[in-house]
């Protein structure tokens, strides 16, 4: 319980100190410290999980999509989009092109 409290306090201190410099970085059109931290700690692991699950689902559904001729569309949605979001998107930029 004390370990969990220490982690929560540490996260709050990180996010609290990041807010002080967020005004300056917003003026330069760069991602904020909070955005980068949230991206690295939360969104990238979730993106990797989505990529792994999407790839697995794509491989399982491959026989059905091959018959219907929708392999490309299925691959785009289940594999390529999560791969780009996880591995190619700049850190801290949450918008997709």
C-alpha atoms as a PDB file:
ATOM      1  CA  UNK A   1       0.000   0.000   0.000  1.00  0.00           C
ATOM      2  CA  UNK A   2       2.853   2.387   0.818  1.00  0.00           C
ATOM      3  CA  UNK A   3       4.498   1.505  -2.491  1.00  0.00           C
ATOM      4  CA  UNK A   4       1.346   2.414  -4.402  1.00  0.00           C
ATOM      5  CA  UNK A   5       1.068   5.697  -2.504  1.00  0.00           C
ATOM      6  CA  UNK A   6       4.700   6.509  -3.317  1.00  0.00           C
ATOM      7  CA  UNK A   7       4.093   5.845  -7.009  1.00  0.00           C
ATOM      8  CA  UNK A   8       0.975   8.031  -7.044  1.00  0.00           C
ATOM      9  CA  UNK A   9       2.795  10.885  -5.304  1.00  0.00           C
ATOM     10  CA  UNK A  10       5.687  10.595  -7.768  1.00  0.00           C
ATOM     11  CA  UNK A  11       3.336  10.733 -10.752  1.00  0.00           C
ATOM     12  CA  UNK A  12       1.537  13.760  -9.325  1.00  0.00           C
ATOM     13  CA  UNK A  13       4.854  15.552  -8.786  1.00  0.00           C
ATOM     14  CA  UNK A  14       5.958  14.788 -12.335  1.00  0.00           C
ATOM     15  CA  UNK A  15       2.705  16.037 -13.828  1.00  0.00           C
ATOM     16  CA  UNK A  16       2.660  19.067 -11.517  1.00  0.00           C
ATOM     17  CA  UNK A  17       6.160  20.175 -12.473  1.00  0.00           C
ATOM     18  CA  UNK A  18       5.435  19.521 -16.133  1.00  0.00           C
ATOM     19  CA  UNK A  19       2.579  22.021 -16.095  1.00  0.00           C
ATOM     20  CA  UNK A  20       4.962  24.863 -15.301  1.00  0.00           C
ATOM     21  CA  UNK A  21       6.849  24.441 -18.555  1.00  0.00           C
ATOM     22  CA  UNK A  22       3.823  23.535 -20.674  1.00  0.00           C
ATOM     23  CA  UNK A  23       2.965  27.166 -21.476  1.00  0.00           C
ATOM     24  CA  UNK A  24       6.390  27.748 -22.984  1.00  0.00           C
ATOM     25  CA  UNK A  25       6.317  24.602 -25.134  1.00  0.00           C
ATOM     26  CA  UNK A  26       2.810  25.312 -26.416  1.00  0.00           C
ATOM     27  CA  UNK A  27       4.045  28.616 -27.782  1.00  0.00           C
ATOM     28  CA  UNK A  28       6.735  26.785 -29.768  1.00  0.00           C
ATOM     29  CA  UNK A  29       4.190  24.276 -31.183  1.00  0.00           C
ATOM     30  CA  UNK A  30       5.891  21.357 -29.504  1.00  0.00           C
ATOM     31  CA  UNK A  31       4.271  18.660 -27.395  1.00  0.00           C
ATOM     32  CA  UNK A  32       4.048  19.376 -23.696  1.00  0.00           C
ATOM     33  CA  UNK A  33       5.869  17.404 -21.036  1.00  0.00           C
ATOM     34  CA  UNK A  34       2.563  15.961 -19.896  1.00  0.00           C
ATOM     35  CA  UNK A  35       1.743  14.860 -23.436  1.00  0.00           C
ATOM     36  CA  UNK A  36       5.121  13.171 -23.857  1.00  0.00           C
ATOM     37  CA  UNK A  37       4.901  11.466 -20.467  1.00  0.00           C
ATOM     38  CA  UNK A  38       1.354  10.259 -21.098  1.00  0.00           C
ATOM     39  CA  UNK A  39       2.337   9.055 -24.563  1.00  0.00           C
ATOM     40  CA  UNK A  40       5.346   7.064 -23.367  1.00  0.00           C
ATOM     41  CA  UNK A  41       3.805   5.607 -20.207  1.00  0.00           C
ATOM     42  CA  UNK A  42       0.245   4.922 -21.374  1.00  0.00           C
ATOM     43  CA  UNK A  43      -0.408   5.281 -25.097  1.00  0.00           C
ATOM     44  CA  UNK A  44       2.652   3.478 -26.494  1.00  0.00           C
ATOM     45  CA  UNK A  45       2.095   0.326 -24.408  1.00  0.00           C
ATOM     46  CA  UNK A  46      -1.598   0.374 -25.328  1.00  0.00           C
ATOM     47  CA  UNK A  47      -0.653   0.874 -28.967  1.00  0.00           C
ATOM     48  CA  UNK A  48       1.711  -2.075 -28.840  1.00  0.00           C
ATOM     49  CA  UNK A  49      -1.018  -4.207 -27.290  1.00  0.00           C
ATOM     50  CA  UNK A  50      -3.423  -3.110 -30.022  1.00  0.00           C
ATOM     51  CA  UNK A  51      -0.803  -3.898 -32.645  1.00  0.00           C
ATOM     52  CA  UNK A  52      -0.243  -7.416 -31.239  1.00  0.00           C
ATOM     53  CA  UNK A  53      -3.971  -8.134 -30.935  1.00  0.00           C
ATOM     54  CA  UNK A  54      -4.691  -6.666 -34.373  1.00  0.00           C
ATOM     55  CA  UNK A  55      -1.976  -8.752 -35.993  1.00  0.00           C
ATOM     56  CA  UNK A  56      -3.288 -11.883 -34.305  1.00  0.00           C
ATOM     57  CA  UNK A  57      -6.846 -11.120 -35.361  1.00  0.00           C
ATOM     58  CA  UNK A  58      -5.671 -10.383 -38.901  1.00  0.00           C
ATOM     59  CA  UNK A  59      -3.879 -13.740 -39.134  1.00  0.00           C
ATOM     60  CA  UNK A  60      -6.918 -15.568 -37.781  1.00  0.00           C
ATOM     61  CA  UNK A  61      -9.255 -13.837 -40.219  1.00  0.00           C
ATOM     62  CA  UNK A  62      -6.902 -14.107 -43.200  1.00  0.00           C
ATOM     63  CA  UNK A  63      -8.654 -17.103 -44.811  1.00  0.00           C
ATOM     64  CA  UNK A  64     -12.016 -15.301 -44.721  1.00  0.00           C
ATOM     65  CA  UNK A  65     -10.648 -11.991 -45.952  1.00  0.00           C
ATOM     66  CA  UNK A  66      -8.773 -13.712 -48.768  1.00  0.00           C
ATOM     67  CA  UNK A  67     -12.009 -15.248 -50.013  1.00  0.00           C
ATOM     68  CA  UNK A  68     -13.856 -11.918 -49.935  1.00  0.00           C
ATOM     69  CA  UNK A  69     -10.945  -9.954 -51.374  1.00  0.00           C
ATOM     70  CA  UNK A  70     -10.632  -7.549 -48.464  1.00  0.00           C
ATOM     71  CA  UNK A  71      -7.135  -8.455 -47.271  1.00  0.00           C
ATOM     72  CA  UNK A  72      -5.739  -4.968 -47.936  1.00  0.00           C
ATOM     73  CA  UNK A  73      -8.469  -3.126 -46.055  1.00  0.00           C
ATOM     74  CA  UNK A  74      -8.292  -5.526 -43.136  1.00  0.00           C
ATOM     75  CA  UNK A  75      -4.508  -5.228 -42.965  1.00  0.00           C
ATOM     76  CA  UNK A  76      -4.721  -1.424 -43.028  1.00  0.00           C
ATOM     77  CA  UNK A  77      -7.149  -1.285 -40.118  1.00  0.00           C
ATOM     78  CA  UNK A  78      -5.818  -4.117 -37.929  1.00  0.00           C
ATOM     79  CA  UNK A  79      -2.056  -3.982 -38.545  1.00  0.00           C
ATOM     80  CA  UNK A  80      -0.857  -0.826 -40.307  1.00  0.00           C
ATOM     81  CA  UNK A  81      -2.768   1.776 -38.279  1.00  0.00           C
ATOM     82  CA  UNK A  82      -1.684   0.426 -34.848  1.00  0.00           C
ATOM     83  CA  UNK A  83       1.886  -0.054 -36.140  1.00  0.00           C
ATOM     84  CA  UNK A  84       2.093   3.556 -37.318  1.00  0.00           C
ATOM     85  CA  UNK A  85       0.511   4.849 -34.114  1.00  0.00           C
ATOM     86  CA  UNK A  86       2.964   2.897 -31.978  1.00  0.00           C
ATOM     87  CA  UNK A  87       6.234   2.930 -33.882  1.00  0.00           C
ATOM     88  CA  UNK A  88       6.256   5.793 -36.417  1.00  0.00           C
ATOM     89  CA  UNK A  89       4.306   8.624 -34.787  1.00  0.00           C
ATOM     90  CA  UNK A  90       6.530  11.254 -33.106  1.00  0.00           C
ATOM     91  CA  UNK A  91       6.509  11.055 -29.319  1.00  0.00           C
ATOM     92  CA  UNK A  92       4.029  13.454 -27.744  1.00  0.00           C
ATOM     93  CA  UNK A  93       2.062  14.164 -30.915  1.00  0.00           C
ATOM     94  CA  UNK A  94      -1.302  12.562 -30.328  1.00  0.00           C
ATOM     95  CA  UNK A  95      -2.972  13.520 -33.609  1.00  0.00           C
ATOM     96  CA  UNK A  96      -2.891  11.136 -36.509  1.00  0.00           C
ATOM     97  CA  UNK A  97      -2.380  12.409 -40.068  1.00  0.00           C
END
